[in-house]
Amino acid sequence: MERETTCCFTGHRPDKLPWRDDEWDPRCQALKERLTAALEEAYDRGMRHFICGMARGADFYFCEAALALRDRRPGVTVEAALPCEEQAARWKERDRNRYFRLVAQCDYETMVQHHYDKGCMLRRDRYMVDRSSMIIAVYGGVLGGTMYTLSYAMKKGLELKILNVEVQE
């Protein structure tokens, strides 16, 4: 994949989103629509490869939207960038099932490292940014992995598309 046509994603997990796990909440539905529109816009700007870190919450929304884009538009590929083998090991069964179903649908799967350590999520985020020219973010202005990834993307000169959300601190 070429960096010039690659777009990655960062966003909050359910505990920071105001609707938590309730994806039927109108705010979540509206965010998913904005995400779909952002992916269409990225496609129109030449993005063809989309990388997702496969965390719960906004990452899942992005992956699902990217897979749907692949069904609608030619030349789209989706990559699951996994921080480690144990990423989903402690999740609820429904979240693990969704994770494995989404990973299985992706065109590529990249394991950044085999075993969990305190830096594996950040290494996954750097992997995605280092291979992209654009990043789409679901961000609410709080400290954490999403802010770190956006800061790193800005330092690397990526084009930013930020979808603002209210967050729970």
N, C-alpha and C. Protein backbone atom coordinates (compact mmCIF):
# COMPACT_ATOMS: atom_id res chain seq x y z
N MET A 1 0.84 -1.18 0.00
CA MET A 1 0.00 0.00 0.00
C MET A 1 0.88 1.24 0.00
N GLU A 2 0.43 2.24 -0.70
CA GLU A 2 1.18 3.48 -0.78
C GLU A 2 0.67 4.46 0.26
N ARG A 3 1.60 5.12 0.91
CA ARG A 3 1.26 6.08 1.97
C ARG A 3 0.32 7.16 1.45
N GLU A 4 0.53 7.60 0.21
CA GLU A 4 -0.26 8.70 -0.36
C GLU A 4 -1.74 8.36 -0.50
N THR A 5 -2.07 7.08 -0.55
CA THR A 5 -3.48 6.68 -0.72
C THR A 5 -3.99 5.91 0.50
N THR A 6 -3.32 6.10 1.65
CA THR A 6 -3.71 5.38 2.86
C THR A 6 -4.22 6.34 3.92
N CYS A 7 -5.31 5.95 4.54
CA CYS A 7 -5.97 6.72 5.60
C CYS A 7 -6.11 5.82 6.82
N CYS A 8 -5.72 6.32 7.99
CA CYS A 8 -5.91 5.54 9.22
C CYS A 8 -6.94 6.24 10.11
N PHE A 9 -7.19 5.64 11.25
CA PHE A 9 -8.25 6.11 12.13
C PHE A 9 -7.81 6.06 13.59
N THR A 10 -8.31 7.00 14.37
CA THR A 10 -8.19 6.95 15.83
C THR A 10 -9.49 7.47 16.42
N GLY A 11 -9.84 6.96 17.58
CA GLY A 11 -11.08 7.40 18.22
C GLY A 11 -11.25 6.80 19.60
N HIS A 12 -12.26 7.29 20.28
CA HIS A 12 -12.49 6.90 21.67
C HIS A 12 -13.16 5.54 21.83
N ARG A 13 -12.86 4.93 22.94
CA ARG A 13 -13.53 3.69 23.35
C ARG A 13 -14.86 4.05 24.01
N PRO A 14 -15.75 3.06 24.20
CA PRO A 14 -17.09 3.35 24.72
C PRO A 14 -17.11 4.09 26.07
N ASP A 15 -16.15 3.85 26.95
CA ASP A 15 -16.19 4.49 28.26
C ASP A 15 -16.04 6.01 28.18
N LYS A 16 -15.53 6.54 27.08
CA LYS A 16 -15.42 8.00 26.91
C LYS A 16 -16.53 8.58 26.05
N LEU A 17 -17.31 7.74 25.42
CA LEU A 17 -18.40 8.23 24.57
C LEU A 17 -19.65 8.42 25.43
N PRO A 18 -20.43 9.48 25.20
CA PRO A 18 -21.58 9.76 26.07
C PRO A 18 -22.65 8.67 26.04
N TRP A 19 -22.73 7.91 24.99
CA TRP A 19 -23.73 6.84 24.89
C TRP A 19 -23.18 5.49 25.33
N ARG A 20 -21.92 5.46 25.71
CA ARG A 20 -21.24 4.23 26.15
C ARG A 20 -21.38 3.15 25.09
N ASP A 21 -22.08 2.05 25.43
CA ASP A 21 -22.26 0.92 24.49
C ASP A 21 -23.58 0.97 23.73
N ASP A 22 -24.39 2.00 23.95
CA ASP A 22 -25.71 2.08 23.32
C ASP A 22 -25.61 2.67 21.91
N GLU A 23 -25.35 1.80 20.95
CA GLU A 23 -25.17 2.28 19.58
C GLU A 23 -26.47 2.69 18.91
N TRP A 24 -27.60 2.47 19.56
CA TRP A 24 -28.89 2.94 19.02
C TRP A 24 -29.17 4.38 19.44
N ASP A 25 -28.35 4.91 20.34
CA ASP A 25 -28.48 6.30 20.77
C ASP A 25 -28.39 7.19 19.53
N PRO A 26 -29.27 8.18 19.39
CA PRO A 26 -29.24 9.05 18.20
C PRO A 26 -27.90 9.74 17.97
N ARG A 27 -27.17 10.06 19.05
CA ARG A 27 -25.85 10.69 18.89
C ARG A 27 -24.85 9.73 18.25
N CYS A 28 -24.94 8.46 18.61
CA CYS A 28 -24.07 7.45 18.01
C CYS A 28 -24.44 7.24 16.54
N GLN A 29 -25.73 7.16 16.26
CA GLN A 29 -26.19 7.01 14.88
C GLN A 29 -25.72 8.19 14.02
N ALA A 30 -25.79 9.40 14.59
CA ALA A 30 -25.34 10.59 13.86
C ALA A 30 -23.83 10.53 13.61
N LEU A 31 -23.07 10.06 14.61
CA LEU A 31 -21.62 9.94 14.43
C LEU A 31 -21.31 8.93 13.33
N LYS A 32 -22.02 7.82 13.31
CA LYS A 32 -21.77 6.82 12.27
C LYS A 32 -22.05 7.39 10.89
N GLU A 33 -23.07 8.24 10.76
CA GLU A 33 -23.35 8.89 9.48
C GLU A 33 -22.22 9.85 9.11
N ARG A 34 -21.71 10.60 10.08
CA ARG A 34 -20.59 11.52 9.82
C ARG A 34 -19.34 10.74 9.43
N LEU A 35 -19.14 9.59 10.04
CA LEU A 35 -17.99 8.75 9.72
C LEU A 35 -18.10 8.22 8.29
N THR A 36 -19.28 7.78 7.91
CA THR A 36 -19.51 7.32 6.54
C THR A 36 -19.23 8.44 5.54
N ALA A 37 -19.69 9.64 5.85
CA ALA A 37 -19.45 10.79 4.96
C ALA A 37 -17.95 11.12 4.90
N ALA A 38 -17.25 11.02 6.02
CA ALA A 38 -15.81 11.30 6.05
C ALA A 38 -15.04 10.27 5.21
N LEU A 39 -15.47 9.02 5.25
CA LEU A 39 -14.83 7.99 4.43
C LEU A 39 -15.09 8.22 2.95
N GLU A 40 -16.29 8.61 2.60
CA GLU A 40 -16.61 8.94 1.20
C GLU A 40 -15.75 10.11 0.73
N GLU A 41 -15.61 11.12 1.59
CA GLU A 41 -14.78 12.27 1.25
C GLU A 41 -13.31 11.84 1.08
N ALA A 42 -12.84 10.98 1.96
CA ALA A 42 -11.46 10.49 1.84
C ALA A 42 -11.27 9.72 0.53
N TYR A 43 -12.26 8.91 0.19
CA TYR A 43 -12.20 8.17 -1.07
C TYR A 43 -12.13 9.15 -2.25
N ASP A 44 -12.98 10.17 -2.21
CA ASP A 44 -12.99 11.16 -3.29
C ASP A 44 -11.66 11.91 -3.39
N ARG A 45 -10.91 11.97 -2.28
CA ARG A 45 -9.60 12.63 -2.26
C ARG A 45 -8.48 11.66 -2.63
N GLY A 46 -8.84 10.42 -2.99
CA GLY A 46 -7.84 9.47 -3.48
C GLY A 46 -7.44 8.37 -2.51
N MET A 47 -8.01 8.37 -1.30
CA MET A 47 -7.67 7.32 -0.34
C MET A 47 -8.31 5.99 -0.77
N ARG A 48 -7.51 4.93 -0.73
CA ARG A 48 -8.01 3.62 -1.13
C ARG A 48 -7.74 2.53 -0.09
N HIS A 49 -6.75 2.76 0.77
CA HIS A 49 -6.42 1.78 1.81
C HIS A 49 -6.72 2.41 3.16
N PHE A 50 -7.48 1.71 3.99
CA PHE A 50 -7.92 2.23 5.27
C PHE A 50 -7.45 1.30 6.38
N ILE A 51 -6.75 1.87 7.39
CA ILE A 51 -6.19 1.09 8.48
C ILE A 51 -6.92 1.42 9.78
N CYS A 52 -7.30 0.37 10.48
CA CYS A 52 -8.04 0.51 11.74
C CYS A 52 -7.34 -0.28 12.84
N GLY A 53 -7.27 0.30 14.04
CA GLY A 53 -6.61 -0.34 15.18
C GLY A 53 -7.45 -1.33 15.94
N MET A 54 -8.71 -1.48 15.60
CA MET A 54 -9.59 -2.55 16.07
C MET A 54 -9.90 -2.52 17.57
N ALA A 55 -9.88 -1.34 18.17
CA ALA A 55 -10.32 -1.21 19.56
C ALA A 55 -11.85 -1.16 19.60
N ARG A 56 -12.42 -1.39 20.76
CA ARG A 56 -13.86 -1.26 20.93
C ARG A 56 -14.26 0.20 20.74
N GLY A 57 -15.51 0.44 20.43
CA GLY A 57 -16.01 1.80 20.28
C GLY A 57 -15.83 2.34 18.88
N ALA A 58 -15.26 3.54 18.79
CA ALA A 58 -15.18 4.25 17.50
C ALA A 58 -14.39 3.48 16.45
N ASP A 59 -13.37 2.69 16.86
CA ASP A 59 -12.63 1.88 15.89
C ASP A 59 -13.56 0.89 15.19
N PHE A 60 -14.44 0.27 15.94
CA PHE A 60 -15.39 -0.68 15.34
C PHE A 60 -16.28 0.05 14.33
N TYR A 61 -16.75 1.26 14.69
CA TYR A 61 -17.61 2.01 13.77
C TYR A 61 -16.86 2.30 12.47
N PHE A 62 -15.60 2.71 12.62
CA PHE A 62 -14.78 3.02 11.45
C PHE A 62 -14.59 1.78 10.58
N CYS A 63 -14.23 0.67 11.20
CA CYS A 63 -13.99 -0.55 10.43
C CYS A 63 -15.25 -0.96 9.66
N GLU A 64 -16.39 -0.92 10.33
CA GLU A 64 -17.64 -1.27 9.65
C GLU A 64 -17.94 -0.32 8.49
N ALA A 65 -17.69 0.97 8.69
CA ALA A 65 -17.93 1.94 7.62
C ALA A 65 -16.95 1.74 6.47
N ALA A 66 -15.71 1.41 6.78
CA ALA A 66 -14.71 1.17 5.72
C ALA A 66 -15.06 -0.09 4.92
N LEU A 67 -15.52 -1.12 5.61
CA LEU A 67 -15.93 -2.35 4.91
C LEU A 67 -17.14 -2.07 4.02
N ALA A 68 -18.06 -1.24 4.49
CA ALA A 68 -19.23 -0.87 3.67
C ALA A 68 -18.78 -0.04 2.47
N LEU A 69 -17.80 0.85 2.66
CA LEU A 69 -17.27 1.63 1.54
C LEU A 69 -16.66 0.69 0.50
N ARG A 70 -15.95 -0.33 0.96
CA ARG A 70 -15.34 -1.30 0.05
C ARG A 70 -16.41 -1.99 -0.81
N ASP A 71 -17.59 -2.20 -0.23
CA ASP A 71 -18.69 -2.82 -0.98
C ASP A 71 -19.27 -1.88 -2.04
N ARG A 72 -19.17 -0.56 -1.79
CA ARG A 72 -19.76 0.43 -2.70
C ARG A 72 -18.79 0.97 -3.74
N ARG A 73 -17.50 0.99 -3.41
CA ARG A 73 -16.54 1.68 -4.26
C ARG A 73 -15.41 0.74 -4.69
N PRO A 74 -14.92 0.88 -5.91
CA PRO A 74 -13.84 0.01 -6.38
C PRO A 74 -12.49 0.38 -5.76
N GLY A 75 -11.64 -0.63 -5.61
CA GLY A 75 -10.26 -0.41 -5.21
C GLY A 75 -10.00 -0.21 -3.74
N VAL A 76 -11.01 -0.34 -2.90
CA VAL A 76 -10.84 -0.11 -1.46
C VAL A 76 -10.33 -1.37 -0.78
N THR A 77 -9.33 -1.21 0.09
CA THR A 77 -8.87 -2.29 0.96
C THR A 77 -8.90 -1.80 2.40
N VAL A 78 -9.10 -2.76 3.31
CA VAL A 78 -9.19 -2.45 4.74
C VAL A 78 -8.18 -3.33 5.47
N GLU A 79 -7.42 -2.70 6.36
CA GLU A 79 -6.41 -3.41 7.14
C GLU A 79 -6.71 -3.31 8.63
N ALA A 80 -6.68 -4.43 9.30
CA ALA A 80 -6.79 -4.47 10.76
C ALA A 80 -5.37 -4.44 11.33
N ALA A 81 -5.04 -3.39 12.06
CA ALA A 81 -3.73 -3.27 12.71
C ALA A 81 -3.91 -3.65 14.17
N LEU A 82 -3.42 -4.82 14.53
CA LEU A 82 -3.63 -5.36 15.87
C LEU A 82 -2.40 -5.10 16.73
N PRO A 83 -2.58 -4.55 17.93
CA PRO A 83 -1.43 -4.25 18.77
C PRO A 83 -0.74 -5.50 19.31
N CYS A 84 -1.53 -6.57 19.53
CA CYS A 84 -0.99 -7.81 20.08
C CYS A 84 -2.05 -8.91 19.95
N GLU A 85 -1.63 -10.14 20.14
CA GLU A 85 -2.57 -11.27 20.03
C GLU A 85 -3.69 -11.20 21.05
N GLU A 86 -3.41 -10.67 22.24
CA GLU A 86 -4.38 -10.69 23.33
C GLU A 86 -5.32 -9.49 23.34
N GLN A 87 -5.36 -8.71 22.29
CA GLN A 87 -6.14 -7.47 22.30
C GLN A 87 -7.55 -7.67 22.83
N ALA A 88 -8.25 -8.68 22.38
CA ALA A 88 -9.66 -8.86 22.74
C ALA A 88 -9.87 -9.91 23.84
N ALA A 89 -8.81 -10.41 24.42
CA ALA A 89 -8.91 -11.55 25.36
C ALA A 89 -9.81 -11.29 26.56
N ARG A 90 -9.83 -10.08 27.08
CA ARG A 90 -10.60 -9.80 28.30
C ARG A 90 -11.92 -9.08 28.03
N TRP A 91 -12.29 -8.98 26.77
CA TRP A 91 -13.53 -8.30 26.43
C TRP A 91 -14.72 -9.21 26.66
N LYS A 92 -15.91 -8.60 26.72
CA LYS A 92 -17.16 -9.37 26.77
C LYS A 92 -17.27 -10.20 25.49
N GLU A 93 -17.97 -11.31 25.60
CA GLU A 93 -18.08 -12.23 24.46
C GLU A 93 -18.62 -11.54 23.21
N ARG A 94 -19.64 -10.71 23.36
CA ARG A 94 -20.23 -10.04 22.17
C ARG A 94 -19.21 -9.14 21.49
N ASP A 95 -18.36 -8.46 22.29
CA ASP A 95 -17.33 -7.60 21.71
C ASP A 95 -16.24 -8.42 21.03
N ARG A 96 -15.87 -9.54 21.64
CA ARG A 96 -14.87 -10.42 21.02
C ARG A 96 -15.39 -10.97 19.71
N ASN A 97 -16.65 -11.39 19.70
CA ASN A 97 -17.25 -11.93 18.47
C ASN A 97 -17.26 -10.89 17.36
N ARG A 98 -17.63 -9.67 17.71
CA ARG A 98 -17.64 -8.58 16.72
C ARG A 98 -16.23 -8.32 16.21
N TYR A 99 -15.26 -8.28 17.10
CA TYR A 99 -13.86 -8.07 16.75
C TYR A 99 -13.38 -9.13 15.76
N PHE A 100 -13.58 -10.41 16.08
CA PHE A 100 -13.09 -11.47 15.20
C PHE A 100 -13.83 -11.48 13.86
N ARG A 101 -15.12 -11.15 13.88
CA ARG A 101 -15.88 -11.07 12.63
C ARG A 101 -15.32 -9.95 11.75
N LEU A 102 -15.04 -8.78 12.34
CA LEU A 102 -14.51 -7.66 11.56
C LEU A 102 -13.10 -7.95 11.04
N VAL A 103 -12.24 -8.48 11.90
CA VAL A 103 -10.88 -8.80 11.46
C VAL A 103 -10.92 -9.78 10.28
N ALA A 104 -11.81 -10.77 10.36
CA ALA A 104 -11.92 -11.78 9.30
C ALA A 104 -12.36 -11.16 7.98
N GLN A 105 -13.11 -10.06 8.02
CA GLN A 105 -13.59 -9.41 6.80
C GLN A 105 -12.55 -8.47 6.18
N CYS A 106 -11.54 -8.10 6.94
CA CYS A 106 -10.52 -7.18 6.43
C CYS A 106 -9.66 -7.86 5.37
N ASP A 107 -9.11 -7.06 4.48
CA ASP A 107 -8.23 -7.58 3.43
C ASP A 107 -6.86 -7.95 3.96
N TYR A 108 -6.42 -7.21 4.98
CA TYR A 108 -5.10 -7.43 5.57
C TYR A 108 -5.21 -7.42 7.08
N GLU A 109 -4.33 -8.18 7.71
CA GLU A 109 -4.25 -8.21 9.17
C GLU A 109 -2.77 -8.08 9.53
N THR A 110 -2.44 -7.06 10.29
CA THR A 110 -1.07 -6.84 10.73
C THR A 110 -1.00 -6.92 12.24
N MET A 111 -0.19 -7.84 12.75
CA MET A 111 0.05 -7.96 14.19
C MET A 111 1.32 -7.18 14.50
N VAL A 112 1.20 -6.10 15.24
CA VAL A 112 2.35 -5.24 15.52
C VAL A 112 3.36 -5.96 16.42
N GLN A 113 2.87 -6.70 17.41
CA GLN A 113 3.75 -7.54 18.23
C GLN A 113 2.91 -8.68 18.80
N HIS A 114 3.57 -9.74 19.24
CA HIS A 114 2.82 -10.92 19.70
C HIS A 114 2.17 -10.74 21.06
N HIS A 115 2.92 -10.26 22.04
CA HIS A 115 2.41 -10.23 23.41
C HIS A 115 2.17 -8.81 23.90
N TYR A 116 1.19 -8.68 24.77
CA TYR A 116 0.84 -7.39 25.35
C TYR A 116 1.97 -6.86 26.22
N ASP A 117 2.23 -5.56 26.10
CA ASP A 117 3.00 -4.82 27.10
C ASP A 117 2.45 -3.40 27.10
N LYS A 118 2.91 -2.58 28.04
CA LYS A 118 2.30 -1.25 28.21
C LYS A 118 2.46 -0.33 27.00
N GLY A 119 3.36 -0.65 26.08
CA GLY A 119 3.56 0.21 24.91
C GLY A 119 2.97 -0.29 23.61
N CYS A 120 2.32 -1.44 23.64
CA CYS A 120 1.89 -2.04 22.36
C CYS A 120 0.81 -1.22 21.65
N MET A 121 -0.09 -0.59 22.40
CA MET A 121 -1.15 0.21 21.76
C MET A 121 -0.53 1.42 21.06
N LEU A 122 0.44 2.07 21.71
CA LEU A 122 1.10 3.22 21.09
C LEU A 122 1.91 2.81 19.87
N ARG A 123 2.54 1.64 19.91
CA ARG A 123 3.28 1.15 18.74
C ARG A 123 2.32 0.86 17.60
N ARG A 124 1.15 0.32 17.90
CA ARG A 124 0.12 0.10 16.88
C ARG A 124 -0.29 1.43 16.25
N ASP A 125 -0.51 2.44 17.09
CA ASP A 125 -0.91 3.75 16.59
C ASP A 125 0.17 4.37 15.69
N ARG A 126 1.42 4.24 16.10
CA ARG A 126 2.53 4.76 15.28
C ARG A 126 2.63 3.99 13.96
N TYR A 127 2.42 2.69 14.01
CA TYR A 127 2.42 1.88 12.79
C TYR A 127 1.41 2.46 11.79
N MET A 128 0.20 2.73 12.26
CA MET A 128 -0.85 3.23 11.37
C MET A 128 -0.49 4.60 10.81
N VAL A 129 -0.08 5.51 11.68
CA VAL A 129 0.25 6.88 11.25
C VAL A 129 1.43 6.87 10.28
N ASP A 130 2.45 6.07 10.57
CA ASP A 130 3.65 6.04 9.73
C ASP A 130 3.37 5.55 8.31
N ARG A 131 2.26 4.89 8.10
CA ARG A 131 1.91 4.35 6.79
C ARG A 131 0.79 5.12 6.09
N SER A 132 0.39 6.25 6.66
CA SER A 132 -0.77 6.99 6.16
C SER A 132 -0.43 8.42 5.79
N SER A 133 -1.27 9.00 4.94
CA SER A 133 -1.15 10.42 4.63
C SER A 133 -2.35 11.20 5.17
N MET A 134 -3.34 10.48 5.68
CA MET A 134 -4.55 11.10 6.23
C MET A 134 -5.00 10.31 7.44
N ILE A 135 -5.58 11.03 8.41
CA ILE A 135 -6.16 10.37 9.58
C ILE A 135 -7.55 10.95 9.83
N ILE A 136 -8.47 10.07 10.11
CA ILE A 136 -9.81 10.47 10.54
C ILE A 136 -9.87 10.15 12.03
N ALA A 137 -10.39 11.11 12.82
CA ALA A 137 -10.44 10.92 14.27
C ALA A 137 -11.81 11.26 14.83
N VAL A 138 -12.27 10.44 15.76
CA VAL A 138 -13.42 10.76 16.60
C VAL A 138 -12.80 11.21 17.92
N TYR A 139 -12.90 12.52 18.20
CA TYR A 139 -12.13 13.08 19.30
C TYR A 139 -12.93 14.10 20.09
N GLY A 140 -12.79 14.02 21.41
CA GLY A 140 -13.51 14.93 22.30
C GLY A 140 -12.64 15.82 23.15
N GLY A 141 -11.36 15.97 22.79
CA GLY A 141 -10.51 16.93 23.47
C GLY A 141 -9.92 16.49 24.79
N VAL A 142 -9.89 15.19 25.07
CA VAL A 142 -9.36 14.72 26.36
C VAL A 142 -8.05 13.96 26.18
N LEU A 143 -7.29 13.89 27.27
CA LEU A 143 -6.04 13.15 27.28
C LEU A 143 -6.30 11.67 27.00
N GLY A 144 -5.33 11.02 26.39
CA GLY A 144 -5.44 9.58 26.15
C GLY A 144 -4.83 9.21 24.82
N GLY A 145 -5.09 7.97 24.42
CA GLY A 145 -4.50 7.43 23.20
C GLY A 145 -4.91 8.17 21.94
N THR A 146 -6.16 8.62 21.88
CA THR A 146 -6.62 9.35 20.70
C THR A 146 -5.85 10.66 20.55
N MET A 147 -5.69 11.38 21.65
CA MET A 147 -4.94 12.63 21.61
C MET A 147 -3.48 12.38 21.23
N TYR A 148 -2.88 11.33 21.79
CA TYR A 148 -1.50 10.99 21.46
C TYR A 148 -1.37 10.71 19.96
N THR A 149 -2.29 9.92 19.42
CA THR A 149 -2.22 9.54 18.01
C THR A 149 -2.41 10.76 17.12
N LEU A 150 -3.34 11.64 17.47
CA LEU A 150 -3.53 12.87 16.69
C LEU A 150 -2.28 13.75 16.75
N SER A 151 -1.68 13.88 17.92
CA SER A 151 -0.46 14.69 18.06
C SER A 151 0.66 14.12 17.19
N TYR A 152 0.80 12.80 17.22
CA TYR A 152 1.83 12.16 16.41
C TYR A 152 1.55 12.36 14.92
N ALA A 153 0.27 12.25 14.54
CA ALA A 153 -0.11 12.45 13.13
C ALA A 153 0.19 13.88 12.68
N MET A 154 -0.05 14.86 13.55
CA MET A 154 0.25 16.25 13.21
C MET A 154 1.75 16.43 13.04
N LYS A 155 2.52 15.83 13.93
CA LYS A 155 3.98 15.92 13.84
C LYS A 155 4.47 15.31 12.53
N LYS A 156 3.81 14.26 12.06
CA LYS A 156 4.20 13.58 10.82
C LYS A 156 3.60 14.23 9.57
N GLY A 157 2.78 15.25 9.75
CA GLY A 157 2.25 16.00 8.62
C GLY A 157 1.04 15.39 7.93
N LEU A 158 0.30 14.52 8.61
CA LEU A 158 -0.89 13.92 8.01
C LEU A 158 -2.01 14.95 7.88
N GLU A 159 -2.83 14.78 6.86
CA GLU A 159 -4.05 15.55 6.72
C GLU A 159 -5.01 15.05 7.80
N LEU A 160 -5.64 15.97 8.53
CA LEU A 160 -6.53 15.60 9.63
C LEU A 160 -7.99 15.83 9.28
N LYS A 161 -8.82 14.88 9.66
CA LYS A 161 -10.27 15.05 9.60
C LYS A 161 -10.78 14.66 10.98
N ILE A 162 -11.17 15.67 11.77
CA ILE A 162 -11.59 15.40 13.15
C ILE A 162 -13.10 15.53 13.26
N LEU A 163 -13.71 14.46 13.76
CA LEU A 163 -15.14 14.44 14.03
C LEU A 163 -15.30 14.63 15.53
N ASN A 164 -15.72 15.82 15.93
CA ASN A 164 -15.82 16.14 17.35
C ASN A 164 -16.99 15.43 18.01
N VAL A 165 -16.75 14.97 19.25
CA VAL A 165 -17.80 14.38 20.07
C VAL A 165 -17.63 14.89 21.51
N GLU A 166 -18.73 14.90 22.23
CA GLU A 166 -18.66 15.15 23.67
C GLU A 166 -18.17 13.85 24.29
N VAL A 167 -17.33 13.97 25.30
CA VAL A 167 -16.82 12.77 25.96
C VAL A 167 -17.15 12.77 27.44
N GLN A 168 -17.06 11.59 28.04
CA GLN A 168 -17.22 11.40 29.48
C GLN A 168 -15.82 11.27 30.06
N GLU A 169 -15.53 12.06 31.05
CA GLU A 169 -14.19 11.95 31.67
C GLU A 169 -14.27 11.16 32.95
